[in-house]
């Protein structure tokens, strides 16, 4: 079992009561979606990098676009001397941290709310420091479904995401380098 799969199983699965729809935002090559095909009725992945999206299991619904708090296009960047496209980012905060970067793709950007998903029980977000923009574009989906939400917080860059979710009625739970938000019943 890979580290990403283990984190989701250990941190999120014990808190889930329904297994209808899982939305994986920043799905990369499917490491955080492919292992769970038999656990959820429906898995939906968002991955803007076509080289990564092609690795996602064919039985999973894939949207080859990025999510944020606007609709349009953006450039997907990587550090100049890296070949690991799994860590590409369009978040200005992340790109500023790299000494030199290069554009690897121009991608479409949408808001999660524009898809009008229902029966969402779990959302995982790992978009290399663009998590707040994703949440802001998903406010209605979150309000309507009250899913368990898990997001990356390796360098404590996304604590502010928890503050917004707390204002929406969520409890924030820390699990190693991830944070989870669970709806308060």
Protein backbone atom coordinates (compact mmCIF):
# COMPACT_ATOMS: atom_id res chain seq x y z
CA UNK A 1 0.00 0.00 0.00
CA UNK A 2 1.45 3.37 -1.05
CA UNK A 3 1.70 6.28 1.37
CA UNK A 4 -1.12 8.29 -0.20
CA UNK A 5 -3.51 5.36 -0.11
CA UNK A 6 -2.55 4.58 3.48
CA UNK A 7 -3.16 8.20 4.59
CA UNK A 8 -6.66 8.18 3.10
CA UNK A 9 -7.53 4.78 4.57
CA UNK A 10 -6.22 5.68 8.05
CA UNK A 11 -7.44 9.28 8.27
CA UNK A 12 -10.63 9.42 6.25
CA UNK A 13 -12.17 5.97 6.05
CA UNK A 14 -12.75 5.75 9.80
CA UNK A 15 -14.77 8.98 9.62
CA UNK A 16 -16.95 8.17 6.60
CA UNK A 17 -20.49 6.92 7.08
CA UNK A 18 -21.57 6.98 3.42
CA UNK A 19 -19.62 5.82 0.38
CA UNK A 20 -21.54 7.33 -2.54
CA UNK A 21 -19.24 9.83 -4.29
CA UNK A 22 -15.56 10.58 -3.77
CA UNK A 23 -14.10 13.61 -5.58
CA UNK A 24 -10.31 13.56 -5.95
CA UNK A 25 -9.00 17.02 -6.83
CA UNK A 26 -5.40 16.91 -7.98
CA UNK A 27 -5.60 13.19 -8.69
CA UNK A 28 -2.18 13.03 -10.40
CA UNK A 29 -1.69 9.47 -11.69
CA UNK A 30 -4.55 8.01 -9.70
CA UNK A 31 -2.66 6.88 -6.57
CA UNK A 32 -5.37 8.47 -4.43
CA UNK A 33 -8.29 7.18 -6.53
CA UNK A 34 -7.45 3.89 -8.26
CA UNK A 35 -7.16 1.83 -5.03
CA UNK A 36 -10.68 2.85 -3.95
CA UNK A 37 -12.75 1.75 -6.95
CA UNK A 38 -14.45 -0.95 -4.88
CA UNK A 39 -15.09 1.34 -1.89
CA UNK A 40 -17.23 4.08 -3.48
CA UNK A 41 -20.24 4.01 -5.76
CA UNK A 42 -18.67 6.79 -7.83
CA UNK A 43 -15.18 8.30 -8.03
CA UNK A 44 -14.63 11.56 -9.89
CA UNK A 45 -11.10 12.83 -10.55
CA UNK A 46 -9.90 16.26 -11.56
CA UNK A 47 -6.42 16.26 -13.08
CA UNK A 48 -5.35 18.96 -15.56
CA UNK A 49 -2.04 17.36 -16.54
CA UNK A 50 -2.78 14.98 -19.45
CA UNK A 51 0.38 12.95 -18.77
CA UNK A 52 -0.90 12.20 -15.26
CA UNK A 53 -4.61 11.85 -16.12
CA UNK A 54 -3.92 9.02 -18.54
CA UNK A 55 -2.74 6.87 -15.59
CA UNK A 56 -6.12 7.02 -13.83
CA UNK A 57 -8.19 3.82 -13.98
CA UNK A 58 -10.57 3.80 -16.99
CA UNK A 59 -13.61 3.07 -14.78
CA UNK A 60 -13.16 6.40 -12.99
CA UNK A 61 -14.74 9.61 -14.30
CA UNK A 62 -11.92 12.01 -15.20
CA UNK A 63 -12.18 15.74 -15.84
CA UNK A 64 -8.98 16.96 -17.44
CA UNK A 65 -9.13 20.45 -15.97
CA UNK A 66 -7.98 22.33 -12.91
CA UNK A 67 -10.29 23.64 -10.21
CA UNK A 68 -10.12 27.07 -8.60
CA UNK A 69 -12.42 29.99 -7.75
CA UNK A 70 -12.75 31.18 -11.36
CA UNK A 71 -13.42 29.87 -14.85
CA UNK A 72 -10.84 30.34 -17.58
CA UNK A 73 -7.35 29.06 -18.33
CA UNK A 74 -4.07 28.93 -16.47
CA UNK A 75 -0.53 27.77 -17.02
CA UNK A 76 0.68 24.70 -15.18
CA UNK A 77 4.28 25.14 -13.98
CA UNK A 78 7.08 22.88 -12.80
CA UNK A 79 10.45 23.68 -11.27
CA UNK A 80 12.99 24.05 -14.06
CA UNK A 81 15.11 21.05 -13.08
CA UNK A 82 12.34 18.61 -12.14
CA UNK A 83 10.83 15.83 -14.19
CA UNK A 84 8.12 14.91 -11.65
CA UNK A 85 4.96 16.28 -13.25
CA UNK A 86 2.93 15.01 -10.30
CA UNK A 87 3.95 18.17 -8.42
CA UNK A 88 3.14 20.72 -11.13
CA UNK A 89 1.21 23.75 -9.95
CA UNK A 90 -0.69 26.76 -11.21
CA UNK A 91 -0.86 28.38 -7.75
CA UNK A 92 1.04 31.69 -7.76
CA UNK A 93 2.19 31.05 -4.18
CA UNK A 94 3.91 27.79 -5.20
CA UNK A 95 5.38 29.09 -8.44
CA UNK A 96 6.94 32.07 -6.59
CA UNK A 97 8.78 29.62 -4.31
CA UNK A 98 10.61 28.03 -7.22
CA UNK A 99 13.78 29.84 -8.31
CA UNK A 100 13.09 29.02 -11.93
CA UNK A 101 10.07 27.30 -13.44
CA UNK A 102 8.72 26.39 -16.82
CA UNK A 103 5.23 26.08 -18.24
CA UNK A 104 4.39 22.49 -19.11
CA UNK A 105 0.73 22.89 -20.12
CA UNK A 106 -1.96 25.51 -20.53
CA UNK A 107 -5.06 24.13 -18.81
CA UNK A 108 -8.77 24.85 -18.50
CA UNK A 109 -9.96 25.98 -15.08
CA UNK A 110 -13.44 25.57 -13.61
CA UNK A 111 -15.18 25.89 -10.26
CA UNK A 112 -16.32 22.65 -8.63
CA UNK A 113 -19.71 24.27 -8.04
CA UNK A 114 -20.29 24.51 -11.80
CA UNK A 115 -20.59 20.70 -11.99
CA UNK A 116 -23.56 20.52 -9.57
CA UNK A 117 -22.49 17.21 -8.02
CA UNK A 118 -24.80 15.55 -5.49
CA UNK A 119 -24.30 12.76 -2.95
CA UNK A 120 -20.69 13.82 -2.34
CA UNK A 121 -19.35 12.14 0.80
CA UNK A 122 -15.60 12.71 0.49
CA UNK A 123 -13.36 15.29 -1.19
CA UNK A 124 -9.56 15.04 -1.28
CA UNK A 125 -7.59 18.12 -2.40
CA UNK A 126 -3.88 18.12 -3.24
CA UNK A 127 -3.19 20.94 -5.68
CA UNK A 128 0.21 22.21 -4.60
CA UNK A 129 -0.86 25.25 -2.60
CA UNK A 130 -3.99 26.10 -4.58
CA UNK A 131 -6.31 24.48 -2.01
CA UNK A 132 -7.97 27.73 -0.86
CA UNK A 133 -8.95 28.65 -4.42
CA UNK A 134 -10.47 25.18 -4.86
CA UNK A 135 -12.51 25.54 -1.65
CA UNK A 136 -13.74 29.01 -2.64
CA UNK A 137 -14.97 27.56 -5.94
CA UNK A 138 -16.69 24.70 -4.10
CA UNK A 139 -18.66 26.54 -1.40
CA UNK A 140 -22.11 25.49 -2.67
CA UNK A 141 -21.04 21.88 -3.21
CA UNK A 142 -19.72 21.82 0.35
CA UNK A 143 -22.83 23.47 1.83
CA UNK A 144 -25.20 21.16 -0.06
CA UNK A 145 -23.34 17.88 0.60
CA UNK A 146 -21.36 18.45 3.83
CA UNK A 147 -18.63 15.99 2.75
CA UNK A 148 -15.58 14.96 4.72
CA UNK A 149 -12.74 17.04 3.23
CA UNK A 150 -9.06 16.13 3.31
CA UNK A 151 -6.32 18.43 2.06
CA UNK A 152 -2.53 18.60 2.00
CA UNK A 153 -0.80 20.75 4.58
CA UNK A 154 2.82 19.52 4.46
CA UNK A 155 4.48 22.86 5.04
CA UNK A 156 1.59 24.32 7.07
CA UNK A 157 0.70 26.41 4.00
CA UNK A 158 -2.99 25.61 4.09
CA UNK A 159 -4.04 26.25 7.68
CA UNK A 160 -6.22 29.13 6.42
CA UNK A 161 -8.35 26.60 4.51
CA UNK A 162 -9.32 25.11 7.86
CA UNK A 163 -10.32 28.51 9.18
CA UNK A 164 -12.77 29.02 6.31
CA UNK A 165 -14.22 25.53 6.75
CA UNK A 166 -14.52 26.05 10.51
CA UNK A 167 -16.63 29.15 9.79
CA UNK A 168 -18.88 26.90 7.67
CA UNK A 169 -19.53 24.53 10.59
CA UNK A 170 -16.70 22.04 10.23
CA UNK A 171 -14.38 20.60 12.87
CA UNK A 172 -10.72 20.48 11.79
CA UNK A 173 -8.70 17.34 12.48
CA UNK A 174 -4.95 17.07 11.98
CA UNK A 175 -3.54 13.81 10.62
CA UNK A 176 0.22 13.90 10.01
CA UNK A 177 0.75 16.19 6.98
CA UNK A 178 -2.92 16.33 6.08
CA UNK A 179 -5.88 18.19 7.53
CA UNK A 180 -9.44 16.93 7.54
CA UNK A 181 -12.66 18.85 7.94
CA UNK A 182 -15.65 16.96 9.29
CA UNK A 183 -19.13 18.43 9.33
CA UNK A 184 -20.48 18.98 12.84
CA UNK A 185 -23.83 17.20 12.98
